[in-house]
Each structure stands twice: as C-alpha cells, then as structure tokens.
C-alpha cells in the first residue's frame, strides 16, 4: 500500500464532542508526538462531534493497523484526560479507504479539511463566510487557492501533522485544482 488512506474513527455516543477547545488542544499535542512513526504518518485530520477523519500514509496493511492502533489510543487518552473520565472511547474499529487516483485524493483532502462545513451545510445550509476549521489541520495545508494562502498567517510552532511523501498526496491531486475553503465537500468540483 503505497497510496494515501482516508481513515474514519468513530467515538461512542456517551463521549463528549471532539470539537471542544481543550480536547482539540490536547489532541494536537498528542498527535505532534506520534505524527510520524517509521512507516506510518498522519498528514491531515479533522475532528467532528462524534468522529475524526484522517489522511494517513502507511507502508502496508500491518503499518496501517499498528499506526491506527496508536492513534486510536492517543485519541482515547486525550478524551479521557480532558473529560476527566475513564473507559472506552472508540466505537469499534476504524474505517479506511485507499486513495488510488489524483481525483480521489483531491476529493478526500477537501472532504477531510472542510468536513465541518459539510456538516453545517447538511444541518443549517452553508454559512456565508468560508473559514478554516480550527479543529483540523487546515492551517498547515499548502494546497489552498492562492487568494486563501495569501490571507493565512504563519501559525508559528511546528505542525502536528507530517509532510506527505507519496506522489499522490504531494503533487498528483493538484491536477484537479487547488482547494477553496468555500467548497462543500461531496459536491462536484
């Protein structure tokens, strides 16, 4: 498996929202320690109320399984630490989908980085103002349209995500256009 993978982790119904400020901060700190481990790396993510999306690179099924076990444990510990709770956090195993073409990768990037916008569009209609989701790695993404990139300020510090290494995730997806934060994932681009 030398292609990027879109992974979804769901949490149990009794777990508080993953989008709380303290939890997002704790997740970033924990992810920064584990973003790149040998043959596994997390390149993009977004936290939603009851699930997390990630785009990862792994050298094989075993590396993916071990990497996701580590990431799942880190998410569970972060939730339990911040929520001052104990017990299970994840609702079953992760779901994954290999991304094998530039178009699939481009769609997955927009889906993951703009997932909060997608949920808002489903529940309330699209908000008028496009913005980058603070509960995602959007501020570290270098594939925004130029007018967006020029408005981004350097967030300072080191990113909590790893730089992509696969051709599809570094270069290939760009064949289908840079990402605009006003997109609603799932719509045709």
N, C-alpha and C. Protein backbone atom coordinates (compact mmCIF):
# COMPACT_ATOMS: atom_id res chain seq x y z
N UNK A 1 0.85 -1.17 0.00
CA UNK A 1 0.00 0.00 0.00
C UNK A 1 0.91 1.24 0.00
N UNK A 2 1.16 1.78 -1.16
CA UNK A 2 1.95 2.99 -1.25
C UNK A 2 1.08 4.15 -1.72
N UNK A 3 -0.13 4.19 -1.22
CA UNK A 3 -1.03 5.28 -1.55
C UNK A 3 -1.62 5.83 -0.26
N UNK A 4 -2.09 7.06 -0.30
CA UNK A 4 -2.72 7.63 0.91
C UNK A 4 -4.00 6.87 1.26
N UNK A 5 -4.39 6.98 2.52
CA UNK A 5 -5.58 6.29 3.02
C UNK A 5 -6.43 7.28 3.80
N UNK A 6 -7.73 7.31 3.51
CA UNK A 6 -8.68 8.12 4.28
C UNK A 6 -9.23 7.21 5.38
N UNK A 7 -9.06 7.63 6.63
CA UNK A 7 -9.47 6.83 7.78
C UNK A 7 -10.50 7.60 8.59
N UNK A 8 -11.50 6.89 9.07
CA UNK A 8 -12.50 7.48 9.97
C UNK A 8 -12.53 6.68 11.27
N UNK A 9 -12.45 7.41 12.39
CA UNK A 9 -12.58 6.83 13.73
C UNK A 9 -13.85 7.38 14.36
N UNK A 10 -14.73 6.52 14.80
CA UNK A 10 -15.96 6.95 15.48
C UNK A 10 -15.80 6.79 16.98
N UNK A 11 -16.46 7.67 17.74
CA UNK A 11 -16.45 7.55 19.19
C UNK A 11 -17.83 7.10 19.67
N UNK A 12 -17.86 6.58 20.86
CA UNK A 12 -19.10 6.08 21.45
C UNK A 12 -20.07 7.24 21.71
N UNK A 13 -21.37 6.95 21.75
CA UNK A 13 -22.37 8.01 21.95
C UNK A 13 -22.24 8.76 23.28
N UNK A 14 -21.66 8.12 24.31
CA UNK A 14 -21.56 8.78 25.62
C UNK A 14 -20.30 9.65 25.75
N UNK A 15 -19.53 9.77 24.69
CA UNK A 15 -18.30 10.56 24.71
C UNK A 15 -18.64 12.01 24.35
N UNK A 16 -18.05 12.99 25.05
CA UNK A 16 -18.31 14.39 24.71
C UNK A 16 -17.77 14.73 23.32
N UNK A 17 -18.24 15.83 22.78
CA UNK A 17 -17.82 16.26 21.44
C UNK A 17 -16.30 16.37 21.33
N UNK A 18 -15.79 15.91 20.21
CA UNK A 18 -14.35 16.00 19.96
C UNK A 18 -13.93 17.42 19.58
N UNK A 19 -14.88 18.33 19.38
CA UNK A 19 -14.57 19.67 18.91
C UNK A 19 -14.36 20.69 20.03
N UNK A 20 -14.43 20.27 21.26
CA UNK A 20 -14.20 21.18 22.38
C UNK A 20 -12.77 21.71 22.36
N UNK A 21 -12.59 22.98 22.69
CA UNK A 21 -11.29 23.62 22.61
C UNK A 21 -10.18 22.93 23.36
N UNK A 22 -10.45 22.50 24.58
CA UNK A 22 -9.42 21.83 25.38
C UNK A 22 -9.05 20.49 24.76
N UNK A 23 -10.03 19.78 24.23
CA UNK A 23 -9.75 18.49 23.61
C UNK A 23 -8.96 18.68 22.31
N UNK A 24 -9.32 19.66 21.51
CA UNK A 24 -8.58 19.93 20.27
C UNK A 24 -7.12 20.22 20.61
N UNK A 25 -6.90 21.04 21.62
CA UNK A 25 -5.53 21.37 22.04
C UNK A 25 -4.78 20.11 22.49
N UNK A 26 -5.41 19.28 23.29
CA UNK A 26 -4.77 18.05 23.78
C UNK A 26 -4.50 17.08 22.63
N UNK A 27 -5.43 16.98 21.67
CA UNK A 27 -5.25 16.13 20.50
C UNK A 27 -4.04 16.59 19.68
N UNK A 28 -3.94 17.89 19.46
CA UNK A 28 -2.80 18.42 18.70
C UNK A 28 -1.48 18.08 19.38
N UNK A 29 -1.43 18.25 20.68
CA UNK A 29 -0.20 17.96 21.43
C UNK A 29 0.15 16.48 21.30
N UNK A 30 -0.82 15.63 21.47
CA UNK A 30 -0.59 14.20 21.40
C UNK A 30 -0.23 13.76 19.98
N UNK A 31 -0.92 14.31 19.00
CA UNK A 31 -0.64 13.95 17.61
C UNK A 31 0.76 14.39 17.19
N UNK A 32 1.21 15.53 17.67
CA UNK A 32 2.55 16.01 17.32
C UNK A 32 3.63 15.01 17.73
N UNK A 33 3.38 14.29 18.81
CA UNK A 33 4.35 13.28 19.28
C UNK A 33 4.33 12.02 18.42
N UNK A 34 3.23 11.76 17.74
CA UNK A 34 3.08 10.49 17.01
C UNK A 34 2.79 10.66 15.53
N UNK A 35 2.93 11.86 15.01
CA UNK A 35 2.53 12.13 13.63
C UNK A 35 3.29 11.30 12.61
N UNK A 36 4.51 10.94 12.94
CA UNK A 36 5.33 10.19 12.00
C UNK A 36 6.12 9.14 12.76
N UNK A 37 5.80 7.91 12.49
CA UNK A 37 6.48 6.80 13.16
C UNK A 37 6.86 5.78 12.10
N UNK A 38 8.08 5.82 11.66
CA UNK A 38 8.57 4.83 10.70
C UNK A 38 7.76 4.78 9.42
N UNK A 39 6.99 3.72 9.27
CA UNK A 39 6.25 3.50 8.03
C UNK A 39 4.80 3.98 8.11
N UNK A 40 4.49 4.86 9.05
CA UNK A 40 3.13 5.40 9.22
C UNK A 40 3.22 6.88 9.55
N UNK A 41 2.39 7.69 8.90
CA UNK A 41 2.34 9.11 9.24
C UNK A 41 0.93 9.67 8.99
N UNK A 42 0.54 10.60 9.85
CA UNK A 42 -0.73 11.32 9.72
C UNK A 42 -0.42 12.64 9.04
N UNK A 43 -1.06 12.88 7.88
CA UNK A 43 -0.77 14.10 7.12
C UNK A 43 -1.87 15.16 7.22
N UNK A 44 -3.11 14.74 7.46
CA UNK A 44 -4.24 15.68 7.56
C UNK A 44 -5.28 15.08 8.50
N UNK A 45 -6.06 15.94 9.16
CA UNK A 45 -7.12 15.44 10.04
C UNK A 45 -8.18 16.50 10.23
N UNK A 46 -9.35 16.06 10.68
CA UNK A 46 -10.38 16.97 11.20
C UNK A 46 -11.15 16.22 12.28
N UNK A 47 -11.46 16.95 13.34
CA UNK A 47 -12.26 16.40 14.43
C UNK A 47 -13.69 16.91 14.28
N UNK A 48 -14.64 16.01 14.35
CA UNK A 48 -16.06 16.37 14.32
C UNK A 48 -16.65 15.96 15.67
N UNK A 49 -17.91 16.20 15.88
CA UNK A 49 -18.50 15.91 17.19
C UNK A 49 -18.32 14.48 17.64
N UNK A 50 -18.63 13.52 16.75
CA UNK A 50 -18.58 12.12 17.15
C UNK A 50 -17.65 11.26 16.31
N UNK A 51 -16.79 11.88 15.53
CA UNK A 51 -15.84 11.12 14.73
C UNK A 51 -14.65 11.99 14.32
N UNK A 52 -13.61 11.32 13.86
CA UNK A 52 -12.42 12.01 13.38
C UNK A 52 -12.08 11.45 12.01
N UNK A 53 -11.69 12.34 11.10
CA UNK A 53 -11.21 11.94 9.79
C UNK A 53 -9.72 12.20 9.73
N UNK A 54 -9.01 11.31 9.07
CA UNK A 54 -7.57 11.50 8.87
C UNK A 54 -7.18 11.01 7.50
N UNK A 55 -6.16 11.62 6.96
CA UNK A 55 -5.50 11.08 5.78
C UNK A 55 -4.12 10.68 6.26
N UNK A 56 -3.81 9.42 6.03
CA UNK A 56 -2.54 8.87 6.51
C UNK A 56 -1.80 8.22 5.35
N UNK A 57 -0.52 8.02 5.55
CA UNK A 57 0.30 7.24 4.64
C UNK A 57 0.88 6.09 5.45
N UNK A 58 0.80 4.89 4.91
CA UNK A 58 1.33 3.71 5.59
C UNK A 58 1.94 2.78 4.56
N UNK A 59 3.03 2.17 4.92
CA UNK A 59 3.70 1.21 4.04
C UNK A 59 3.19 -0.19 4.37
N UNK A 60 2.00 -0.48 3.90
CA UNK A 60 1.43 -1.80 4.08
C UNK A 60 0.31 -1.84 5.11
N UNK A 61 -0.43 -2.93 5.05
CA UNK A 61 -1.59 -3.11 5.95
C UNK A 61 -1.17 -3.19 7.41
N UNK A 62 -0.07 -3.86 7.67
CA UNK A 62 0.39 -4.00 9.05
C UNK A 62 0.79 -2.65 9.65
N UNK A 63 1.47 -1.83 8.87
CA UNK A 63 1.85 -0.49 9.33
C UNK A 63 0.61 0.36 9.57
N UNK A 64 -0.39 0.22 8.70
CA UNK A 64 -1.65 0.96 8.89
C UNK A 64 -2.33 0.51 10.18
N UNK A 65 -2.42 -0.78 10.39
CA UNK A 65 -3.08 -1.31 11.59
C UNK A 65 -2.37 -0.87 12.87
N UNK A 66 -1.04 -0.97 12.89
CA UNK A 66 -0.29 -0.56 14.08
C UNK A 66 -0.40 0.95 14.30
N UNK A 67 -0.27 1.71 13.21
CA UNK A 67 -0.37 3.16 13.33
C UNK A 67 -1.73 3.61 13.83
N UNK A 68 -2.79 3.00 13.33
CA UNK A 68 -4.13 3.38 13.76
C UNK A 68 -4.41 2.93 15.18
N UNK A 69 -3.81 1.82 15.60
CA UNK A 69 -3.95 1.40 17.00
C UNK A 69 -3.36 2.47 17.91
N UNK A 70 -2.20 2.97 17.53
CA UNK A 70 -1.53 4.02 18.31
C UNK A 70 -2.34 5.31 18.31
N UNK A 71 -2.82 5.72 17.14
CA UNK A 71 -3.59 6.97 17.03
C UNK A 71 -4.91 6.84 17.79
N UNK A 72 -5.57 5.70 17.68
CA UNK A 72 -6.82 5.49 18.42
C UNK A 72 -6.61 5.56 19.92
N UNK A 73 -5.52 4.97 20.40
CA UNK A 73 -5.20 5.02 21.83
C UNK A 73 -4.92 6.45 22.26
N UNK A 74 -4.21 7.20 21.44
CA UNK A 74 -3.91 8.60 21.77
C UNK A 74 -5.19 9.44 21.83
N UNK A 75 -6.10 9.22 20.88
CA UNK A 75 -7.36 9.96 20.90
C UNK A 75 -8.15 9.59 22.16
N UNK A 76 -8.21 8.32 22.50
CA UNK A 76 -8.95 7.88 23.69
C UNK A 76 -8.35 8.49 24.96
N UNK A 77 -7.02 8.47 25.07
CA UNK A 77 -6.39 9.05 26.26
C UNK A 77 -6.65 10.56 26.33
N UNK A 78 -6.61 11.25 25.19
CA UNK A 78 -6.88 12.69 25.18
C UNK A 78 -8.31 12.98 25.64
N UNK A 79 -9.26 12.22 25.11
CA UNK A 79 -10.67 12.40 25.51
C UNK A 79 -10.83 12.16 27.00
N UNK A 80 -10.27 11.08 27.50
CA UNK A 80 -10.43 10.75 28.91
C UNK A 80 -9.71 11.74 29.81
N UNK A 81 -8.54 12.21 29.40
CA UNK A 81 -7.82 13.21 30.21
C UNK A 81 -8.61 14.51 30.29
N UNK A 82 -9.01 15.03 29.15
CA UNK A 82 -9.72 16.32 29.12
C UNK A 82 -11.09 16.21 29.77
N UNK A 83 -11.78 15.10 29.52
CA UNK A 83 -13.13 14.92 30.07
C UNK A 83 -13.14 14.40 31.49
N UNK A 84 -11.95 14.19 32.06
CA UNK A 84 -11.84 13.64 33.42
C UNK A 84 -12.76 12.43 33.56
N UNK A 85 -12.60 11.53 32.63
CA UNK A 85 -13.41 10.32 32.60
C UNK A 85 -12.51 9.13 32.37
N UNK A 86 -13.08 7.95 32.44
CA UNK A 86 -12.34 6.73 32.11
C UNK A 86 -13.26 5.84 31.32
N UNK A 87 -12.69 4.83 30.74
CA UNK A 87 -13.50 3.89 30.00
C UNK A 87 -13.29 4.00 28.50
N UNK A 88 -13.98 3.13 27.77
CA UNK A 88 -13.83 3.09 26.32
C UNK A 88 -14.29 4.38 25.65
N UNK A 89 -13.62 4.73 24.58
CA UNK A 89 -13.93 5.95 23.82
C UNK A 89 -14.34 5.60 22.40
N UNK A 90 -13.59 4.74 21.76
CA UNK A 90 -13.84 4.42 20.36
C UNK A 90 -15.01 3.47 20.21
N UNK A 91 -15.76 3.67 19.13
CA UNK A 91 -16.93 2.85 18.82
C UNK A 91 -16.55 1.88 17.70
N UNK A 92 -15.85 0.83 18.05
CA UNK A 92 -15.44 -0.16 17.06
C UNK A 92 -14.12 0.20 16.41
N UNK A 93 -13.81 -0.52 15.36
CA UNK A 93 -12.57 -0.31 14.61
C UNK A 93 -12.69 0.91 13.71
N UNK A 94 -11.59 1.28 13.14
CA UNK A 94 -11.58 2.37 12.18
C UNK A 94 -12.08 1.87 10.83
N UNK A 95 -12.55 2.80 10.03
CA UNK A 95 -12.94 2.52 8.65
C UNK A 95 -11.89 3.17 7.77
N UNK A 96 -11.46 2.50 6.71
CA UNK A 96 -10.45 3.10 5.84
C UNK A 96 -10.75 2.86 4.37
N UNK A 97 -10.23 3.77 3.57
CA UNK A 97 -10.38 3.67 2.12
C UNK A 97 -9.09 4.14 1.48
N UNK A 98 -8.47 3.28 0.68
CA UNK A 98 -7.26 3.65 -0.04
C UNK A 98 -7.61 4.63 -1.15
N UNK A 99 -6.76 5.61 -1.33
CA UNK A 99 -6.96 6.65 -2.35
C UNK A 99 -5.95 6.39 -3.47
N UNK A 100 -6.44 5.97 -4.61
CA UNK A 100 -5.54 5.48 -5.65
C UNK A 100 -5.38 6.39 -6.86
N UNK A 101 -6.13 7.46 -6.94
CA UNK A 101 -6.01 8.35 -8.09
C UNK A 101 -5.91 9.80 -7.62
N UNK A 102 -5.36 10.67 -8.46
CA UNK A 102 -5.30 12.09 -8.09
C UNK A 102 -6.67 12.68 -7.76
N UNK A 103 -7.69 12.30 -8.50
CA UNK A 103 -9.04 12.83 -8.24
C UNK A 103 -9.56 12.36 -6.88
N UNK A 104 -9.36 11.09 -6.54
CA UNK A 104 -9.78 10.58 -5.23
C UNK A 104 -9.08 11.32 -4.10
N UNK A 105 -7.79 11.57 -4.27
CA UNK A 105 -7.03 12.27 -3.22
C UNK A 105 -7.53 13.69 -3.08
N UNK A 106 -7.77 14.37 -4.19
CA UNK A 106 -8.25 15.76 -4.13
C UNK A 106 -9.60 15.83 -3.41
N UNK A 107 -10.49 14.92 -3.75
CA UNK A 107 -11.81 14.88 -3.09
C UNK A 107 -11.68 14.58 -1.61
N UNK A 108 -10.80 13.65 -1.27
CA UNK A 108 -10.60 13.29 0.15
C UNK A 108 -10.01 14.45 0.93
N UNK A 109 -9.07 15.18 0.35
CA UNK A 109 -8.49 16.35 1.03
C UNK A 109 -9.58 17.37 1.34
N UNK A 110 -10.39 17.71 0.34
CA UNK A 110 -11.48 18.67 0.56
C UNK A 110 -12.46 18.13 1.60
N UNK A 111 -12.77 16.85 1.52
CA UNK A 111 -13.71 16.24 2.46
C UNK A 111 -13.20 16.32 3.89
N UNK A 112 -11.95 15.96 4.09
CA UNK A 112 -11.40 15.94 5.45
C UNK A 112 -11.22 17.36 5.98
N UNK A 113 -10.59 18.24 5.22
CA UNK A 113 -10.27 19.58 5.72
C UNK A 113 -11.49 20.48 5.83
N UNK A 114 -12.54 20.19 5.06
CA UNK A 114 -13.75 21.02 5.07
C UNK A 114 -14.95 20.26 5.62
N UNK A 115 -14.71 19.22 6.39
CA UNK A 115 -15.79 18.38 6.87
C UNK A 115 -16.77 19.12 7.77
N UNK A 116 -16.29 20.04 8.59
CA UNK A 116 -17.20 20.81 9.45
C UNK A 116 -18.17 21.62 8.59
N UNK A 117 -17.67 22.16 7.49
CA UNK A 117 -18.52 22.92 6.56
C UNK A 117 -19.60 22.01 5.97
N UNK A 118 -19.23 20.78 5.66
CA UNK A 118 -20.19 19.82 5.12
C UNK A 118 -21.30 19.54 6.13
N UNK A 119 -20.93 19.36 7.39
CA UNK A 119 -21.94 19.10 8.42
C UNK A 119 -22.84 20.32 8.63
N UNK A 120 -22.27 21.51 8.57
CA UNK A 120 -23.09 22.73 8.69
C UNK A 120 -24.05 22.85 7.52
N UNK A 121 -23.58 22.52 6.33
CA UNK A 121 -24.43 22.60 5.14
C UNK A 121 -25.61 21.64 5.26
N UNK A 122 -25.37 20.45 5.82
CA UNK A 122 -26.44 19.48 5.98
C UNK A 122 -27.46 19.92 7.02
N UNK A 123 -26.99 20.54 8.11
CA UNK A 123 -27.90 20.87 9.20
C UNK A 123 -28.55 22.24 9.06
N UNK A 124 -27.82 23.23 8.55
CA UNK A 124 -28.35 24.60 8.54
C UNK A 124 -28.25 25.31 7.20
N UNK A 125 -27.71 24.69 6.21
CA UNK A 125 -27.39 25.39 4.97
C UNK A 125 -25.99 25.96 5.12
N UNK A 126 -25.34 26.22 4.02
CA UNK A 126 -23.95 26.65 4.05
C UNK A 126 -23.83 28.03 4.67
N UNK A 127 -22.88 28.20 5.58
CA UNK A 127 -22.65 29.50 6.17
C UNK A 127 -22.10 30.45 5.12
N UNK A 128 -22.37 31.72 5.28
CA UNK A 128 -21.97 32.72 4.30
C UNK A 128 -20.46 32.90 4.25
N UNK A 129 -19.81 32.75 5.38
CA UNK A 129 -18.38 33.01 5.44
C UNK A 129 -17.60 31.70 5.44
N UNK A 130 -16.71 31.59 4.46
CA UNK A 130 -15.84 30.42 4.42
C UNK A 130 -14.65 30.69 5.34
N UNK A 131 -14.35 29.74 6.18
CA UNK A 131 -13.21 29.89 7.07
C UNK A 131 -12.55 28.52 7.26
N UNK A 132 -11.34 28.55 7.76
CA UNK A 132 -10.63 27.31 8.02
C UNK A 132 -11.04 26.76 9.37
N UNK A 133 -11.29 25.48 9.43
CA UNK A 133 -11.76 24.82 10.65
C UNK A 133 -10.62 24.72 11.66
N UNK A 134 -10.83 25.27 12.84
CA UNK A 134 -9.83 25.23 13.90
C UNK A 134 -9.64 23.85 14.51
N UNK A 135 -10.55 22.93 14.24
CA UNK A 135 -10.42 21.57 14.77
C UNK A 135 -9.91 20.63 13.67
N UNK A 136 -9.05 21.19 12.82
CA UNK A 136 -8.47 20.41 11.73
C UNK A 136 -7.04 20.87 11.49
N UNK A 137 -6.39 20.20 10.58
CA UNK A 137 -5.02 20.58 10.21
C UNK A 137 -5.01 21.57 9.04
N UNK A 138 -6.12 22.23 8.80
CA UNK A 138 -6.26 23.13 7.65
C UNK A 138 -5.19 24.22 7.61
N UNK A 139 -4.76 24.70 8.76
CA UNK A 139 -3.78 25.80 8.77
C UNK A 139 -2.41 25.37 8.26
N UNK A 140 -2.15 24.05 8.22
CA UNK A 140 -0.87 23.54 7.75
C UNK A 140 -0.93 23.07 6.29
N UNK A 141 -2.11 23.09 5.70
CA UNK A 141 -2.31 22.60 4.33
C UNK A 141 -1.76 23.62 3.34
N UNK A 142 -0.98 23.16 2.38
CA UNK A 142 -0.37 24.08 1.41
C UNK A 142 -1.05 24.05 0.05
N UNK A 143 -2.27 23.52 -0.01
CA UNK A 143 -2.96 23.41 -1.29
C UNK A 143 -4.21 24.27 -1.41
N UNK A 144 -4.30 25.33 -0.61
CA UNK A 144 -5.43 26.26 -0.74
C UNK A 144 -5.23 27.12 -1.98
N UNK A 145 -6.31 27.62 -2.52
CA UNK A 145 -6.22 28.54 -3.66
C UNK A 145 -5.39 29.75 -3.25
N UNK A 146 -4.70 30.40 -4.21
CA UNK A 146 -3.76 31.49 -3.88
C UNK A 146 -4.37 32.62 -3.05
N UNK A 147 -5.61 32.99 -3.31
CA UNK A 147 -6.20 34.09 -2.54
C UNK A 147 -6.39 33.72 -1.08
N UNK A 148 -6.53 32.44 -0.78
CA UNK A 148 -6.64 31.98 0.60
C UNK A 148 -5.26 31.92 1.23
N UNK A 149 -4.30 31.35 0.50
CA UNK A 149 -2.94 31.22 1.02
C UNK A 149 -2.36 32.56 1.41
N UNK A 150 -2.67 33.59 0.64
CA UNK A 150 -2.11 34.92 0.94
C UNK A 150 -2.70 35.49 2.23
N UNK A 151 -3.90 35.04 2.64
CA UNK A 151 -4.51 35.54 3.88
C UNK A 151 -4.08 34.76 5.10
N UNK A 152 -3.51 33.57 4.89
CA UNK A 152 -3.11 32.76 6.03
C UNK A 152 -1.88 33.34 6.69
N UNK A 153 -1.90 33.37 7.97
CA UNK A 153 -0.75 33.83 8.73
C UNK A 153 -0.02 32.59 9.21
N UNK A 154 1.28 32.69 9.33
CA UNK A 154 2.05 31.58 9.87
C UNK A 154 1.59 31.34 11.30
N UNK A 155 1.14 30.13 11.55
CA UNK A 155 0.61 29.79 12.87
C UNK A 155 1.69 29.70 13.93
N UNK A 156 2.93 29.69 13.50
CA UNK A 156 4.02 29.54 14.46
C UNK A 156 4.07 28.13 15.00
N UNK A 157 5.20 27.77 15.49
CA UNK A 157 5.36 26.43 16.05
C UNK A 157 5.47 25.38 14.97
N UNK A 158 5.62 24.16 15.42
CA UNK A 158 5.75 23.04 14.50
C UNK A 158 4.37 22.42 14.23
N UNK A 159 4.13 21.99 13.01
CA UNK A 159 2.84 21.35 12.71
C UNK A 159 2.67 20.04 13.46
N UNK A 160 1.44 19.72 13.77
CA UNK A 160 1.16 18.45 14.44
C UNK A 160 0.95 17.32 13.44
N UNK A 161 1.06 17.62 12.16
CA UNK A 161 0.92 16.61 11.12
C UNK A 161 2.23 16.49 10.34
N UNK A 162 2.42 15.33 9.72
CA UNK A 162 3.63 15.07 8.94
C UNK A 162 3.46 15.58 7.51
N UNK A 163 4.57 15.88 6.88
CA UNK A 163 4.54 16.24 5.47
C UNK A 163 4.30 14.98 4.64
N UNK A 164 3.42 15.08 3.64
CA UNK A 164 3.17 13.90 2.80
C UNK A 164 4.41 13.51 2.01
N UNK A 165 4.54 12.22 1.74
CA UNK A 165 5.67 11.73 0.95
C UNK A 165 5.25 11.09 -0.36
N UNK A 166 4.02 10.58 -0.43
CA UNK A 166 3.59 9.93 -1.66
C UNK A 166 3.34 10.97 -2.74
N UNK A 167 3.59 10.58 -3.98
CA UNK A 167 3.38 11.49 -5.11
C UNK A 167 1.93 11.97 -5.16
N UNK A 168 0.98 11.05 -4.95
CA UNK A 168 -0.44 11.41 -5.00
C UNK A 168 -0.79 12.52 -4.01
N UNK A 169 -0.24 12.45 -2.81
CA UNK A 169 -0.61 13.40 -1.76
C UNK A 169 0.23 14.67 -1.79
N UNK A 170 1.39 14.64 -2.42
CA UNK A 170 2.21 15.84 -2.54
C UNK A 170 1.86 16.63 -3.81
N UNK A 171 1.75 15.94 -4.93
CA UNK A 171 1.68 16.62 -6.22
C UNK A 171 0.47 16.19 -7.06
N UNK A 172 0.24 14.90 -7.16
CA UNK A 172 -0.74 14.36 -8.10
C UNK A 172 -2.12 14.97 -8.02
N UNK A 173 -2.65 15.14 -6.82
CA UNK A 173 -4.02 15.65 -6.64
C UNK A 173 -4.19 17.06 -7.22
N UNK A 174 -3.11 17.82 -7.31
CA UNK A 174 -3.19 19.21 -7.78
C UNK A 174 -3.63 19.31 -9.23
N UNK A 175 -3.56 18.23 -9.97
CA UNK A 175 -4.04 18.20 -11.35
C UNK A 175 -5.52 18.57 -11.44
N UNK A 176 -6.24 18.39 -10.35
CA UNK A 176 -7.68 18.65 -10.34
C UNK A 176 -8.05 19.94 -9.62
N UNK A 177 -7.07 20.80 -9.40
CA UNK A 177 -7.32 22.12 -8.86
C UNK A 177 -7.07 22.24 -7.37
N UNK A 178 -6.60 23.42 -6.98
CA UNK A 178 -6.37 23.70 -5.56
C UNK A 178 -7.72 23.78 -4.84
N UNK A 179 -7.69 23.69 -3.53
CA UNK A 179 -8.92 23.62 -2.73
C UNK A 179 -9.34 25.02 -2.30
N UNK A 180 -10.62 25.29 -2.41
CA UNK A 180 -11.20 26.56 -1.98
C UNK A 180 -12.00 26.29 -0.70
N UNK A 181 -11.75 27.05 0.39
CA UNK A 181 -12.47 26.77 1.63
C UNK A 181 -13.97 27.04 1.57
N UNK A 182 -14.47 27.60 0.48
CA UNK A 182 -15.92 27.79 0.36
C UNK A 182 -16.60 26.57 -0.26
N UNK A 183 -15.83 25.58 -0.66
CA UNK A 183 -16.42 24.35 -1.20
C UNK A 183 -17.19 23.63 -0.10
N UNK A 184 -18.19 22.89 -0.53
CA UNK A 184 -18.88 21.99 0.37
C UNK A 184 -18.51 20.58 -0.09
N UNK A 185 -17.76 19.84 0.72
CA UNK A 185 -17.33 18.50 0.30
C UNK A 185 -18.51 17.62 -0.07
N UNK A 186 -18.30 16.83 -1.10
CA UNK A 186 -19.36 15.96 -1.58
C UNK A 186 -20.02 16.51 -2.81
N UNK A 187 -19.92 17.82 -3.03
CA UNK A 187 -20.44 18.40 -4.26
C UNK A 187 -19.39 18.26 -5.34
N UNK A 188 -19.79 18.24 -6.56
CA UNK A 188 -18.85 18.13 -7.69
C UNK A 188 -17.99 19.38 -7.77
N UNK A 189 -16.68 19.16 -8.01
CA UNK A 189 -15.75 20.29 -8.19
C UNK A 189 -15.15 20.23 -9.56
